[in-house]
Amino acid sequence: MVMTDPDAPSPSEPSMREWVHWIITDIPGGSSPTRGNEILQYMAPRPPVGIHRYIMLLFQQKGPLGLVEQPMSRANFCTRAFAHQLDLGVPVATVYFNAQKEPMNRKH
């Protein structure tokens, strides 16, 4: 499972596209991602400006991946290259949501 932000740092100039927020491998079928191997620790969405899309992609592995190296950087991650490198094929499920920075003057 991979979670990325293709709009980093801003939707109008996504120079860090894709910013990777989370990577988990070896999730047992029909179970929670908490049972998988967390390659890159979860980083909550915190868009600095504008409305950002956050995309979660689930791949079906052909078998256990074992040792998978962490990306060198969260910036400029490429989900396609990652999936190709690990022979994951196309995603079997995807979901996305939008998030934006809360205004400083917003009253609760």
PDB file of N, CA and C in Angstrom:
ATOM      1  N   MET A   1       0.848  -1.168   0.000  1.00  0.00           N
ATOM      2  CA  MET A   1       0.000   0.000   0.000  1.00  0.00           C
ATOM      3  C   MET A   1       0.893   1.230   0.000  1.00  0.00           C
ATOM      4  N   VAL A   2       0.552   2.178  -0.836  1.00  0.00           N
ATOM      5  CA  VAL A   2       1.309   3.413  -0.953  1.00  0.00           C
ATOM      6  C   VAL A   2       0.337   4.580  -0.850  1.00  0.00           C
ATOM      7  N   MET A   3       0.711   5.612  -0.078  1.00  0.00           N
ATOM      8  CA  MET A   3      -0.080   6.837   0.016  1.00  0.00           C
ATOM      9  C   MET A   3       0.797   8.001  -0.405  1.00  0.00           C
ATOM     10  N   THR A   4       0.329   8.786  -1.389  1.00  0.00           N
ATOM     11  CA  THR A   4       1.110   9.915  -1.880  1.00  0.00           C
ATOM     12  C   THR A   4       0.261  11.174  -2.031  1.00  0.00           C
ATOM     13  N   ASP A   5       0.956  12.295  -2.142  1.00  0.00           N
ATOM     14  CA  ASP A   5       0.366  13.598  -2.444  1.00  0.00           C
ATOM     15  C   ASP A   5       0.976  14.063  -3.760  1.00  0.00           C
ATOM     16  N   PRO A   6       0.201  14.039  -4.853  1.00  0.00           N
ATOM     17  CA  PRO A   6       0.750  14.476  -6.132  1.00  0.00           C
ATOM     18  C   PRO A   6       0.780  15.996  -6.299  1.00  0.00           C
ATOM     19  N   ASP A   7       0.325  16.727  -5.287  1.00  0.00           N
ATOM     20  CA  ASP A   7       0.214  18.179  -5.385  1.00  0.00           C
ATOM     21  C   ASP A   7       1.233  18.931  -4.529  1.00  0.00           C
ATOM     22  N   ALA A   8       2.291  18.267  -4.096  1.00  0.00           N
ATOM     23  CA  ALA A   8       3.263  18.912  -3.207  1.00  0.00           C
ATOM     24  C   ALA A   8       4.267  19.749  -4.004  1.00  0.00           C
ATOM     25  N   PRO A   9       4.663  20.902  -3.533  1.00  0.00           N
ATOM     26  CA  PRO A   9       4.167  21.571  -2.335  1.00  0.00           C
ATOM     27  C   PRO A   9       2.900  22.394  -2.575  1.00  0.00           C
ATOM     28  N   SER A  10       2.573  22.659  -3.856  1.00  0.00           N
ATOM     29  CA  SER A  10       1.326  23.371  -4.140  1.00  0.00           C
ATOM     30  C   SER A  10       0.722  22.810  -5.424  1.00  0.00           C
ATOM     31  N   PRO A  11      -0.610  22.794  -5.506  1.00  0.00           N
ATOM     32  CA  PRO A  11      -1.249  22.248  -6.707  1.00  0.00           C
ATOM     33  C   PRO A  11      -0.846  22.976  -7.994  1.00  0.00           C
ATOM     34  N   SER A  12      -0.553  24.267  -7.899  1.00  0.00           N
ATOM     35  CA  SER A  12      -0.184  25.018  -9.103  1.00  0.00           C
ATOM     36  C   SER A  12       1.275  24.791  -9.509  1.00  0.00           C
ATOM     37  N   GLU A  13       2.127  24.406  -8.548  1.00  0.00           N
ATOM     38  CA  GLU A  13       3.537  24.113  -8.842  1.00  0.00           C
ATOM     39  C   GLU A  13       3.992  22.883  -8.056  1.00  0.00           C
ATOM     40  N   PRO A  14       3.582  21.695  -8.510  1.00  0.00           N
ATOM     41  CA  PRO A  14       3.888  20.460  -7.771  1.00  0.00           C
ATOM     42  C   PRO A  14       5.318  19.948  -8.001  1.00  0.00           C
ATOM     43  N   SER A  15       6.293  20.754  -7.651  1.00  0.00           N
ATOM     44  CA  SER A  15       7.696  20.424  -7.920  1.00  0.00           C
ATOM     45  C   SER A  15       8.218  19.235  -7.115  1.00  0.00           C
ATOM     46  N   MET A  16       7.492  18.831  -6.053  1.00  0.00           N
ATOM     47  CA  MET A  16       7.910  17.671  -5.258  1.00  0.00           C
ATOM     48  C   MET A  16       7.047  16.451  -5.531  1.00  0.00           C
ATOM     49  N   ARG A  17       6.233  16.507  -6.577  1.00  0.00           N
ATOM     50  CA  ARG A  17       5.336  15.415  -6.940  1.00  0.00           C
ATOM     51  C   ARG A  17       6.099  14.122  -7.093  1.00  0.00           C
ATOM     52  N   GLU A  18       5.721  13.040  -6.633  1.00  0.00           N
ATOM     53  CA  GLU A  18       4.751  12.730  -5.605  1.00  0.00           C
ATOM     54  C   GLU A  18       5.456  12.789  -4.254  1.00  0.00           C
ATOM     55  N   TRP A  19       4.799  13.317  -3.237  1.00  0.00           N
ATOM     56  CA  TRP A  19       5.306  13.286  -1.866  1.00  0.00           C
ATOM     57  C   TRP A  19       4.720  12.033  -1.238  1.00  0.00           C
ATOM     58  N   VAL A  20       5.585  11.118  -0.809  1.00  0.00           N
ATOM     59  CA  VAL A  20       5.092   9.847  -0.276  1.00  0.00           C
ATOM     60  C   VAL A  20       4.850   9.976   1.230  1.00  0.00           C
ATOM     61  N   HIS A  21       3.642   9.585   1.637  1.00  0.00           N
ATOM     62  CA  HIS A  21       3.227   9.693   3.034  1.00  0.00           C
ATOM     63  C   HIS A  21       3.296   8.376   3.798  1.00  0.00           C
ATOM     64  N   TRP A  22       3.257   7.249   3.070  1.00  0.00           N
ATOM     65  CA  TRP A  22       3.177   5.970   3.778  1.00  0.00           C
ATOM     66  C   TRP A  22       3.446   4.837   2.804  1.00  0.00           C
ATOM     67  N   ILE A  23       4.209   3.856   3.238  1.00  0.00           N
ATOM     68  CA  ILE A  23       4.406   2.629   2.458  1.00  0.00           C
ATOM     69  C   ILE A  23       4.351   1.438   3.411  1.00  0.00           C
ATOM     70  N   ILE A  24       3.495   0.486   3.082  1.00  0.00           N
ATOM     71  CA  ILE A  24       3.386  -0.765   3.845  1.00  0.00           C
ATOM     72  C   ILE A  24       3.397  -1.918   2.850  1.00  0.00           C
ATOM     73  N   THR A  25       4.177  -2.941   3.138  1.00  0.00           N
ATOM     74  CA  THR A  25       4.208  -4.141   2.293  1.00  0.00           C
ATOM     75  C   THR A  25       3.798  -5.360   3.114  1.00  0.00           C
ATOM     76  N   ASP A  26       3.630  -6.457   2.436  1.00  0.00           N
ATOM     77  CA  ASP A  26       3.352  -7.760   3.071  1.00  0.00           C
ATOM     78  C   ASP A  26       2.154  -7.716   4.025  1.00  0.00           C
ATOM     79  N   ILE A  27       1.086  -7.037   3.615  1.00  0.00           N
ATOM     80  CA  ILE A  27      -0.148  -7.016   4.414  1.00  0.00           C
ATOM     81  C   ILE A  27      -0.872  -8.338   4.153  1.00  0.00           C
ATOM     82  N   PRO A  28      -1.117  -9.126   5.189  1.00  0.00           N
ATOM     83  CA  PRO A  28      -1.840 -10.390   4.964  1.00  0.00           C
ATOM     84  C   PRO A  28      -3.235 -10.113   4.389  1.00  0.00           C
ATOM     85  N   GLY A  29      -3.649 -10.887   3.393  1.00  0.00           N
ATOM     86  CA  GLY A  29      -4.954 -10.705   2.752  1.00  0.00           C
ATOM     87  C   GLY A  29      -6.093 -10.693   3.757  1.00  0.00           C
ATOM     88  N   GLY A  30      -7.009  -9.752   3.578  1.00  0.00           N
ATOM     89  CA  GLY A  30      -8.186  -9.671   4.436  1.00  0.00           C
ATOM     90  C   GLY A  30      -7.900  -9.151   5.832  1.00  0.00           C
ATOM     91  N   SER A  31      -6.722  -8.563   6.048  1.00  0.00           N
ATOM     92  CA  SER A  31      -6.417  -8.065   7.395  1.00  0.00           C
ATOM     93  C   SER A  31      -6.098  -6.576   7.358  1.00  0.00           C
ATOM     94  N   SER A  32      -5.734  -6.054   8.497  1.00  0.00           N
ATOM     95  CA  SER A  32      -5.431  -4.632   8.672  1.00  0.00           C
ATOM     96  C   SER A  32      -4.009  -4.311   8.208  1.00  0.00           C
ATOM     97  N   PRO A  33      -3.792  -3.113   7.678  1.00  0.00           N
ATOM     98  CA  PRO A  33      -2.430  -2.703   7.324  1.00  0.00           C
ATOM     99  C   PRO A  33      -1.465  -2.740   8.512  1.00  0.00           C
ATOM    100  N   THR A  34      -1.982  -2.681   9.724  1.00  0.00           N
ATOM    101  CA  THR A  34      -1.111  -2.744  10.910  1.00  0.00           C
ATOM    102  C   THR A  34      -0.391  -4.085  11.014  1.00  0.00           C
ATOM    103  N   ARG A  35      -0.866  -5.084  10.281  1.00  0.00           N
ATOM    104  CA  ARG A  35      -0.225  -6.399  10.297  1.00  0.00           C
ATOM    105  C   ARG A  35       0.849  -6.529   9.225  1.00  0.00           C
ATOM    106  N   GLY A  36       1.015  -5.475   8.411  1.00  0.00           N
ATOM    107  CA  GLY A  36       2.010  -5.490   7.355  1.00  0.00           C
ATOM    108  C   GLY A  36       3.361  -4.976   7.833  1.00  0.00           C
ATOM    109  N   ASN A  37       4.275  -4.827   6.891  1.00  0.00           N
ATOM    110  CA  ASN A  37       5.625  -4.360   7.164  1.00  0.00           C
ATOM    111  C   ASN A  37       5.700  -2.884   6.763  1.00  0.00           C
ATOM    112  N   GLU A  38       5.761  -1.987   7.754  1.00  0.00           N
ATOM    113  CA  GLU A  38       5.788  -0.556   7.480  1.00  0.00           C
ATOM    114  C   GLU A  38       7.188  -0.159   6.995  1.00  0.00           C
ATOM    115  N   ILE A  39       7.289   0.158   5.725  1.00  0.00           N
ATOM    116  CA  ILE A  39       8.558   0.551   5.107  1.00  0.00           C
ATOM    117  C   ILE A  39       8.843   2.019   5.389  1.00  0.00           C
ATOM    118  N   LEU A  40       7.800   2.837   5.295  1.00  0.00           N
ATOM    119  CA  LEU A  40       7.919   4.268   5.548  1.00  0.00           C
ATOM    120  C   LEU A  40       6.784   4.669   6.475  1.00  0.00           C
ATOM    121  N   GLN A  41       7.142   5.219   7.629  1.00  0.00           N
ATOM    122  CA  GLN A  41       6.166   5.576   8.659  1.00  0.00           C
ATOM    123  C   GLN A  41       5.153   6.587   8.128  1.00  0.00           C
ATOM    124  N   TYR A  42       3.918   6.438   8.592  1.00  0.00           N
ATOM    125  CA  TYR A  42       2.813   7.318   8.200  1.00  0.00           C
ATOM    126  C   TYR A  42       3.111   8.764   8.567  1.00  0.00           C
ATOM    127  N   MET A  43       2.853   9.647   7.624  1.00  0.00           N
ATOM    128  CA  MET A  43       2.968  11.084   7.835  1.00  0.00           C
ATOM    129  C   MET A  43       1.614  11.687   7.478  1.00  0.00           C
ATOM    130  N   ALA A  44       0.972  12.310   8.451  1.00  0.00           N
ATOM    131  CA  ALA A  44      -0.367  12.859   8.242  1.00  0.00           C
ATOM    132  C   ALA A  44      -0.350  13.983   7.204  1.00  0.00           C
ATOM    133  N   PRO A  45      -1.448  14.151   6.476  1.00  0.00           N
ATOM    134  CA  PRO A  45      -1.541  15.246   5.516  1.00  0.00           C
ATOM    135  C   PRO A  45      -1.443  16.605   6.210  1.00  0.00           C
ATOM    136  N   ARG A  46      -0.629  17.490   5.655  1.00  0.00           N
ATOM    137  CA  ARG A  46      -0.499  18.868   6.146  1.00  0.00           C
ATOM    138  C   ARG A  46      -0.214  19.781   4.948  1.00  0.00           C
ATOM    139  N   PRO A  47      -1.189  19.965   4.079  1.00  0.00           N
ATOM    140  CA  PRO A  47      -0.924  20.788   2.902  1.00  0.00           C
ATOM    141  C   PRO A  47      -0.605  22.238   3.286  1.00  0.00           C
ATOM    142  N   PRO A  48       0.502  22.789   2.770  1.00  0.00           N
ATOM    143  CA  PRO A  48       0.873  24.156   3.125  1.00  0.00           C
ATOM    144  C   PRO A  48      -0.007  25.211   2.458  1.00  0.00           C
ATOM    145  N   VAL A  49      -0.510  24.898   1.266  1.00  0.00           N
ATOM    146  CA  VAL A  49      -1.333  25.852   0.525  1.00  0.00           C
ATOM    147  C   VAL A  49      -2.216  25.098  -0.463  1.00  0.00           C
ATOM    148  N   GLY A  50      -3.416  25.607  -0.677  1.00  0.00           N
ATOM    149  CA  GLY A  50      -4.311  25.018  -1.664  1.00  0.00           C
ATOM    150  C   GLY A  50      -4.924  23.701  -1.229  1.00  0.00           C
ATOM    151  N   ILE A  51      -5.708  23.137  -2.121  1.00  0.00           N
ATOM    152  CA  ILE A  51      -6.357  21.847  -1.897  1.00  0.00           C
ATOM    153  C   ILE A  51      -5.474  20.764  -2.514  1.00  0.00           C
ATOM    154  N   HIS A  52      -5.094  19.794  -1.698  1.00  0.00           N
ATOM    155  CA  HIS A  52      -4.230  18.699  -2.152  1.00  0.00           C
ATOM    156  C   HIS A  52      -5.023  17.409  -2.239  1.00  0.00           C
ATOM    157  N   ARG A  53      -4.663  16.588  -3.214  1.00  0.00           N
ATOM    158  CA  ARG A  53      -5.222  15.237  -3.337  1.00  0.00           C
ATOM    159  C   ARG A  53      -4.271  14.278  -2.633  1.00  0.00           C
ATOM    160  N   TYR A  54      -4.825  13.366  -1.868  1.00  0.00           N
ATOM    161  CA  TYR A  54      -4.048  12.306  -1.221  1.00  0.00           C
ATOM    162  C   TYR A  54      -4.569  10.997  -1.768  1.00  0.00           C
ATOM    163  N   ILE A  55      -3.649  10.198  -2.302  1.00  0.00           N
ATOM    164  CA  ILE A  55      -4.034   8.984  -3.017  1.00  0.00           C
ATOM    165  C   ILE A  55      -3.448   7.764  -2.316  1.00  0.00           C
ATOM    166  N   MET A  56      -4.295   6.775  -2.059  1.00  0.00           N
ATOM    167  CA  MET A  56      -3.853   5.505  -1.485  1.00  0.00           C
ATOM    168  C   MET A  56      -4.056   4.432  -2.549  1.00  0.00           C
ATOM    169  N   LEU A  57      -2.997   3.684  -2.818  1.00  0.00           N
ATOM    170  CA  LEU A  57      -3.043   2.620  -3.814  1.00  0.00           C
ATOM    171  C   LEU A  57      -2.701   1.297  -3.143  1.00  0.00           C
ATOM    172  N   LEU A  58      -3.492   0.290  -3.427  1.00  0.00           N
ATOM    173  CA  LEU A  58      -3.252  -1.040  -2.887  1.00  0.00           C
ATOM    174  C   LEU A  58      -2.867  -1.967  -4.028  1.00  0.00           C
ATOM    175  N   PHE A  59      -1.744  -2.641  -3.870  1.00  0.00           N
ATOM    176  CA  PHE A  59      -1.258  -3.591  -4.861  1.00  0.00           C
ATOM    177  C   PHE A  59      -1.355  -4.998  -4.293  1.00  0.00           C
ATOM    178  N   GLN A  60      -1.622  -5.973  -5.154  1.00  0.00           N
ATOM    179  CA  GLN A  60      -1.614  -7.371  -4.735  1.00  0.00           C
ATOM    180  C   GLN A  60      -0.245  -7.954  -5.055  1.00  0.00           C
ATOM    181  N   GLN A  61       0.465  -8.343  -4.023  1.00  0.00           N
ATOM    182  CA  GLN A  61       1.800  -8.917  -4.205  1.00  0.00           C
ATOM    183  C   GLN A  61       1.691 -10.362  -4.666  1.00  0.00           C
ATOM    184  N   LYS A  62       2.702 -10.795  -5.410  1.00  0.00           N
ATOM    185  CA  LYS A  62       2.753 -12.185  -5.864  1.00  0.00           C
ATOM    186  C   LYS A  62       3.273 -13.101  -4.770  1.00  0.00           C
ATOM    187  N   GLY A  63       3.870 -12.510  -3.738  1.00  0.00           N
ATOM    188  CA  GLY A  63       4.426 -13.245  -2.604  1.00  0.00           C
ATOM    189  C   GLY A  63       5.055 -12.240  -1.658  1.00  0.00           C
ATOM    190  N   PRO A  64       5.603 -12.703  -0.545  1.00  0.00           N
ATOM    191  CA  PRO A  64       6.255 -11.783   0.394  1.00  0.00           C
ATOM    192  C   PRO A  64       7.408 -11.041  -0.278  1.00  0.00           C
ATOM    193  N   LEU A  65       7.512  -9.745   0.019  1.00  0.00           N
ATOM    194  CA  LEU A  65       8.579  -8.945  -0.582  1.00  0.00           C
ATOM    195  C   LEU A  65       9.849  -8.957   0.250  1.00  0.00           C
ATOM    196  N   GLY A  66       9.706  -9.265   1.526  1.00  0.00           N
ATOM    197  CA  GLY A  66      10.893  -9.280   2.383  1.00  0.00           C
ATOM    198  C   GLY A  66      11.446  -7.887   2.580  1.00  0.00           C
ATOM    199  N   LEU A  67      12.755  -7.755   2.475  1.00  0.00           N
ATOM    200  CA  LEU A  67      13.417  -6.484   2.715  1.00  0.00           C
ATOM    201  C   LEU A  67      13.178  -5.521   1.552  1.00  0.00           C
ATOM    202  N   VAL A  68      12.550  -4.391   1.860  1.00  0.00           N
ATOM    203  CA  VAL A  68      12.333  -3.325   0.878  1.00  0.00           C
ATOM    204  C   VAL A  68      12.953  -2.065   1.472  1.00  0.00           C
ATOM    205  N   GLU A  69      13.816  -1.425   0.699  1.00  0.00           N
ATOM    206  CA  GLU A  69      14.487  -0.230   1.194  1.00  0.00           C
ATOM    207  C   GLU A  69      13.550   0.968   1.210  1.00  0.00           C
ATOM    208  N   GLN A  70      13.733   1.808   2.233  1.00  0.00           N
ATOM    209  CA  GLN A  70      13.002   3.068   2.314  1.00  0.00           C
ATOM    210  C   GLN A  70      13.442   3.975   1.175  1.00  0.00           C
ATOM    211  N   PRO A  71      12.534   4.805   0.659  1.00  0.00           N
ATOM    212  CA  PRO A  71      12.961   5.795  -0.330  1.00  0.00           C
ATOM    213  C   PRO A  71      13.988   6.744   0.296  1.00  0.00           C
ATOM    214  N   MET A  72      14.898   7.265  -0.521  1.00  0.00           N
ATOM    215  CA  MET A  72      15.914   8.198  -0.032  1.00  0.00           C
ATOM    216  C   MET A  72      15.281   9.492   0.462  1.00  0.00           C
ATOM    217  N   SER A  73      14.124   9.851  -0.109  1.00  0.00           N
ATOM    218  CA  SER A  73      13.440  11.087   0.235  1.00  0.00           C
ATOM    219  C   SER A  73      11.942  10.876   0.058  1.00  0.00           C
ATOM    220  N   ARG A  74      11.140  11.624   0.788  1.00  0.00           N
ATOM    221  CA  ARG A  74       9.692  11.578   0.584  1.00  0.00           C
ATOM    222  C   ARG A  74       9.304  12.340  -0.686  1.00  0.00           C
ATOM    223  N   ALA A  75      10.109  13.345  -1.046  1.00  0.00           N
ATOM    224  CA  ALA A  75       9.833  14.164  -2.228  1.00  0.00           C
ATOM    225  C   ALA A  75      10.195  13.415  -3.504  1.00  0.00           C
ATOM    226  N   ASN A  76       9.448  13.708  -4.569  1.00  0.00           N
ATOM    227  CA  ASN A  76       9.691  13.168  -5.901  1.00  0.00           C
ATOM    228  C   ASN A  76       9.680  11.643  -5.966  1.00  0.00           C
ATOM    229  N   PHE A  77       8.862  11.027  -5.135  1.00  0.00           N
ATOM    230  CA  PHE A  77       8.651   9.582  -5.177  1.00  0.00           C
ATOM    231  C   PHE A  77       7.867   9.257  -6.447  1.00  0.00           C
ATOM    232  N   CYS A  78       8.101   8.098  -7.008  1.00  0.00           N
ATOM    233  CA  CYS A  78       7.367   7.683  -8.206  1.00  0.00           C
ATOM    234  C   CYS A  78       6.721   6.328  -7.939  1.00  0.00           C
ATOM    235  N   THR A  79       5.412   6.342  -7.739  1.00  0.00           N
ATOM    236  CA  THR A  79       4.678   5.111  -7.445  1.00  0.00           C
ATOM    237  C   THR A  79       4.834   4.099  -8.574  1.00  0.00           C
ATOM    238  N   ARG A  80       4.790   4.564  -9.818  1.00  0.00           N
ATOM    239  CA  ARG A  80       4.919   3.643 -10.961  1.00  0.00           C
ATOM    240  C   ARG A  80       6.265   2.926 -10.945  1.00  0.00           C
ATOM    241  N   ALA A  81       7.334   3.679 -10.701  1.00  0.00           N
ATOM    242  CA  ALA A  81       8.670   3.071 -10.661  1.00  0.00           C
ATOM    243  C   ALA A  81       8.785   2.097  -9.492  1.00  0.00           C
ATOM    244  N   PHE A  82       8.228   2.469  -8.335  1.00  0.00           N
ATOM    245  CA  PHE A  82       8.242   1.603  -7.159  1.00  0.00           C
ATOM    246  C   PHE A  82       7.520   0.293  -7.462  1.00  0.00           C
ATOM    247  N   ALA A  83       6.331   0.380  -8.057  1.00  0.00           N
ATOM    248  CA  ALA A  83       5.554  -0.815  -8.396  1.00  0.00           C
ATOM    249  C   ALA A  83       6.285  -1.662  -9.433  1.00  0.00           C
ATOM    250  N   HIS A  84       6.906  -1.018 -10.402  1.00  0.00           N
ATOM    251  CA  HIS A  84       7.654  -1.751 -11.433  1.00  0.00           C
ATOM    252  C   HIS A  84       8.861  -2.478 -10.827  1.00  0.00           C
ATOM    253  N   GLN A  85       9.582  -1.772  -9.970  1.00  0.00           N
ATOM    254  CA  GLN A  85      10.779  -2.347  -9.331  1.00  0.00           C
ATOM    255  C   GLN A  85      10.437  -3.598  -8.531  1.00  0.00           C
ATOM    256  N   LEU A  86       9.264  -3.605  -7.894  1.00  0.00           N
ATOM    257  CA  LEU A  86       8.864  -4.744  -7.059  1.00  0.00           C
ATOM    258  C   LEU A  86       7.926  -5.710  -7.784  1.00  0.00           C
ATOM    259  N   ASP A  87       7.717  -5.483  -9.090  1.00  0.00           N
ATOM    260  CA  ASP A  87       6.859  -6.344  -9.909  1.00  0.00           C
ATOM    261  C   ASP A  87       5.454  -6.461  -9.315  1.00  0.00           C
ATOM    262  N   LEU A  88       4.862  -5.317  -8.986  1.00  0.00           N
ATOM    263  CA  LEU A  88       3.542  -5.309  -8.348  1.00  0.00           C
ATOM    264  C   LEU A  88       2.390  -5.221  -9.339  1.00  0.00           C
ATOM    265  N   GLY A  89       2.664  -4.828 -10.568  1.00  0.00           N
ATOM    266  CA  GLY A  89       1.585  -4.673 -11.538  1.00  0.00           C
ATOM    267  C   GLY A  89       0.782  -3.416 -11.258  1.00  0.00           C
ATOM    268  N   VAL A  90      -0.473  -3.446 -11.655  1.00  0.00           N
ATOM    269  CA  VAL A  90      -1.343  -2.287 -11.456  1.00  0.00           C
ATOM    270  C   VAL A  90      -2.058  -2.397 -10.109  1.00  0.00           C
ATOM    271  N   PRO A  91      -2.495  -1.262  -9.548  1.00  0.00           N
ATOM    272  CA  PRO A  91      -3.212  -1.323  -8.263  1.00  0.00           C
ATOM    273  C   PRO A  91      -4.511  -2.120  -8.386  1.00  0.00           C
ATOM    274  N   VAL A  92      -4.872  -2.806  -7.309  1.00  0.00           N
ATOM    275  CA  VAL A  92      -6.144  -3.533  -7.274  1.00  0.00           C
ATOM    276  C   VAL A  92      -7.227  -2.686  -6.616  1.00  0.00           C
ATOM    277  N   ALA A  93      -6.818  -1.614  -5.942  1.00  0.00           N
ATOM    278  CA  ALA A  93      -7.774  -0.688  -5.329  1.00  0.00           C
ATOM    279  C   ALA A  93      -7.098   0.663  -5.154  1.00  0.00           C
ATOM    280  N   THR A  94      -7.894   1.714  -5.303  1.00  0.00           N
ATOM    281  CA  THR A  94      -7.398   3.068  -5.051  1.00  0.00           C
ATOM    282  C   THR A  94      -8.499   3.872  -4.375  1.00  0.00           C
ATOM    283  N   VAL A  95      -8.070   4.828  -3.595  1.00  0.00           N
ATOM    284  CA  VAL A  95      -9.002   5.776  -2.990  1.00  0.00           C
ATOM    285  C   VAL A  95      -8.247   7.087  -2.852  1.00  0.00           C
ATOM    286  N   TYR A  96      -8.969   8.175  -2.960  1.00  0.00           N
ATOM    287  CA  TYR A  96      -8.300   9.456  -2.740  1.00  0.00           C
ATOM    288  C   TYR A  96      -9.228  10.366  -1.960  1.00  0.00           C
ATOM    289  N   PHE A  97      -8.625  11.362  -1.317  1.00  0.00           N
ATOM    290  CA  PHE A  97      -9.395  12.379  -0.619  1.00  0.00           C
ATOM    291  C   PHE A  97      -8.671  13.700  -0.779  1.00  0.00           C
ATOM    292  N   ASN A  98      -9.402  14.777  -0.577  1.00  0.00           N
ATOM    293  CA  ASN A  98      -8.844  16.115  -0.643  1.00  0.00           C
ATOM    294  C   ASN A  98      -8.665  16.671   0.757  1.00  0.00           C
ATOM    295  N   ALA A  99      -7.655  17.509   0.928  1.00  0.00           N
ATOM    296  CA  ALA A  99      -7.435  18.188   2.211  1.00  0.00           C
ATOM    297  C   ALA A  99      -6.847  19.556   1.921  1.00  0.00           C
ATOM    298  N   GLN A 100      -7.117  20.479   2.833  1.00  0.00           N
ATOM    299  CA  GLN A 100      -6.528  21.804   2.716  1.00  0.00           C
ATOM    300  C   GLN A 100      -6.196  22.328   4.101  1.00  0.00           C
ATOM    301  N   LYS A 101      -5.317  23.320   4.139  1.00  0.00           N
ATOM    302  CA  LYS A 101      -4.894  23.916   5.397  1.00  0.00           C
ATOM    303  C   LYS A 101      -6.055  24.684   6.003  1.00  0.00           C
ATOM    304  N   GLU A 102      -6.262  24.489   7.313  1.00  0.00           N
ATOM    305  CA  GLU A 102      -7.305  25.229   8.018  1.00  0.00           C
ATOM    306  C   GLU A 102      -6.871  26.685   8.179  1.00  0.00           C
ATOM    307  N   PRO A 103      -7.786  27.644   7.939  1.00  0.00           N
ATOM    308  CA  PRO A 103      -7.434  29.044   8.156  1.00  0.00           C
ATOM    309  C   PRO A 103      -7.081  29.300   9.633  1.00  0.00           C
ATOM    310  N   MET A 104      -6.105  30.176   9.868  1.00  0.00           N
ATOM    311  CA  MET A 104      -5.668  30.496  11.234  1.00  0.00           C
ATOM    312  C   MET A 104      -6.789  31.125  12.067  1.00  0.00           C
ATOM    313  N   ASN A 105      -7.677  31.888  11.434  1.00  0.00           N
ATOM    314  CA  ASN A 105      -8.700  32.614  12.163  1.00  0.00           C
ATOM    315  C   ASN A 105     -10.007  31.848  12.315  1.00  0.00           C
ATOM    316  N   ARG A 106     -10.012  30.585  11.967  1.00  0.00           N
ATOM    317  CA  ARG A 106     -11.230  29.786  12.063  1.00  0.00           C
ATOM    318  C   ARG A 106     -11.581  29.532  13.521  1.00  0.00           C
ATOM    319  N   LYS A 107     -12.813  29.835  13.898  1.00  0.00           N
ATOM    320  CA  LYS A 107     -13.270  29.627  15.274  1.00  0.00           C
ATOM    321  C   LYS A 107     -13.944  28.274  15.383  1.00  0.00           C
ATOM    322  N   HIS A 108     -13.716  27.611  16.514  1.00  0.00           N
ATOM    323  CA  HIS A 108     -14.320  26.282  16.732  1.00  0.00           C
ATOM    324  C   HIS A 108     -15.511  26.384  17.620  1.00  0.00           C
TER     325      HIS A 108
END
